[in-house]
Amino acid sequence: MRYNDLTSVTALAPGLKIFIGGLAKDTTIDTFVKYFGKYGDLTDSVVMKDRQTGRPRGFRFVTYADPSVVDTVIAETHAINGKQVSEFLFLVYFGYE
């Protein structure tokens, strides 16, 4: 079963991660968590960093305690630090066959 076959991502299992890309390089962890935390409790927020420089690579993964929040998050347009990131929102689910 693929996401396109579903009416809601909550039909999948808990533990869904959202890939959020296209973030401005100056987006802090606090700004990011505050913005996406308004949709629900975050259980995980991972910033991806360049291995050589240690600087953020412009994308992160988030996981919500309530998987039904994912539908709302991916349906809306998002802008953080003046940069729109909605076209870079993707559903990522690890471990599903």
Protein backbone atom coordinates (compact mmCIF):
# COMPACT_ATOMS: atom_id res chain seq x y z
CA MET A 1 0.00 0.00 0.00
CA ARG A 2 1.35 3.42 -0.95
CA TYR A 3 0.47 6.78 0.59
CA ASN A 4 -1.33 7.78 -2.62
CA ASP A 5 -3.74 4.91 -1.97
CA LEU A 6 -4.71 6.29 1.45
CA THR A 7 -7.07 9.06 2.45
CA SER A 8 -4.97 9.86 5.51
CA VAL A 9 -1.43 9.22 6.64
CA THR A 10 -2.86 8.25 10.01
CA ALA A 11 -4.05 5.05 8.35
CA LEU A 12 -0.41 4.02 8.58
CA ALA A 13 1.29 3.41 11.93
CA PRO A 14 2.53 5.70 14.70
CA GLY A 15 6.13 6.86 14.41
CA LEU A 16 5.71 8.66 11.09
CA LYS A 17 8.49 11.12 10.36
CA ILE A 18 8.07 14.25 8.29
CA PHE A 19 11.01 15.42 6.19
CA ILE A 20 11.10 19.21 6.18
CA GLY A 21 13.52 20.70 3.73
CA GLY A 22 14.40 24.04 2.26
CA LEU A 23 14.97 25.62 5.65
CA ALA A 24 16.95 28.83 5.87
CA LYS A 25 20.45 28.23 7.19
CA ASP A 26 19.81 30.61 10.09
CA THR A 27 16.79 28.64 11.37
CA THR A 28 17.55 27.76 14.98
CA ILE A 29 16.38 24.64 16.76
CA ASP A 30 14.25 26.80 19.06
CA THR A 31 12.55 28.56 16.14
CA PHE A 32 11.93 25.26 14.37
CA VAL A 33 10.54 23.45 17.44
CA LYS A 34 8.37 26.43 18.39
CA TYR A 35 6.92 26.62 14.88
CA PHE A 36 6.17 22.92 14.39
CA GLY A 37 5.36 22.39 18.06
CA LYS A 38 2.23 24.50 17.66
CA TYR A 39 0.63 21.55 15.83
CA GLY A 40 1.19 19.08 18.65
CA ASP A 41 3.73 17.48 20.93
CA LEU A 42 6.96 16.59 19.15
CA THR A 43 8.56 13.33 20.20
CA ASP A 44 11.61 13.84 18.00
CA SER A 45 13.27 16.62 16.03
CA VAL A 46 16.48 15.79 14.20
CA VAL A 47 18.66 18.37 12.48
CA MET A 48 20.88 17.06 9.73
CA LYS A 49 24.37 18.58 9.74
CA ASP A 50 27.24 18.61 7.31
CA ARG A 51 29.85 16.11 8.51
CA GLN A 52 32.79 18.33 7.70
CA THR A 53 31.57 21.73 8.87
CA GLY A 54 28.95 20.76 11.47
CA ARG A 55 26.60 23.35 9.99
CA PRO A 56 22.91 22.54 9.38
CA ARG A 57 22.20 21.19 5.88
CA GLY A 58 18.81 22.88 5.56
CA PHE A 59 16.52 19.98 6.43
CA ARG A 60 15.19 18.19 9.47
CA PHE A 61 12.94 15.33 10.48
CA VAL A 62 10.13 15.61 13.02
CA THR A 63 7.91 13.05 14.69
CA TYR A 64 4.67 13.86 16.51
CA ALA A 65 3.23 12.05 19.53
CA ASP A 66 -0.18 12.06 17.83
CA PRO A 67 0.12 10.74 14.25
CA SER A 68 -3.13 12.46 13.23
CA VAL A 69 -1.25 15.79 13.40
CA VAL A 70 0.76 14.77 10.33
CA ASP A 71 -2.27 15.25 8.06
CA THR A 72 -2.64 18.85 9.19
CA VAL A 73 1.07 19.64 8.92
CA ILE A 74 1.52 18.35 5.38
CA ALA A 75 -1.72 19.97 4.18
CA GLU A 76 -0.65 23.49 5.13
CA THR A 77 1.83 25.96 3.65
CA HIS A 78 4.75 26.77 5.94
CA ALA A 79 7.20 29.65 6.12
CA ILE A 80 9.99 29.85 8.69
CA ASN A 81 12.31 32.85 8.85
CA GLY A 82 10.59 34.21 5.76
CA LYS A 83 11.32 31.12 3.65
CA GLN A 84 8.47 28.97 2.38
CA VAL A 85 9.08 25.26 2.93
CA SER A 86 5.70 23.70 2.02
CA GLU A 87 6.82 22.28 -1.32
CA PHE A 88 9.55 20.41 0.52
CA LEU A 89 7.32 18.52 2.93
CA PHE A 90 7.35 14.78 2.39
CA LEU A 91 6.09 11.82 4.31
CA VAL A 92 8.87 9.46 5.32
CA TYR A 93 8.06 6.19 7.06
CA PHE A 94 10.87 3.85 7.98
CA GLY A 95 10.20 0.14 8.40
CA TYR A 96 6.98 -0.11 6.39
CA GLU A 97 6.76 -2.69 3.63
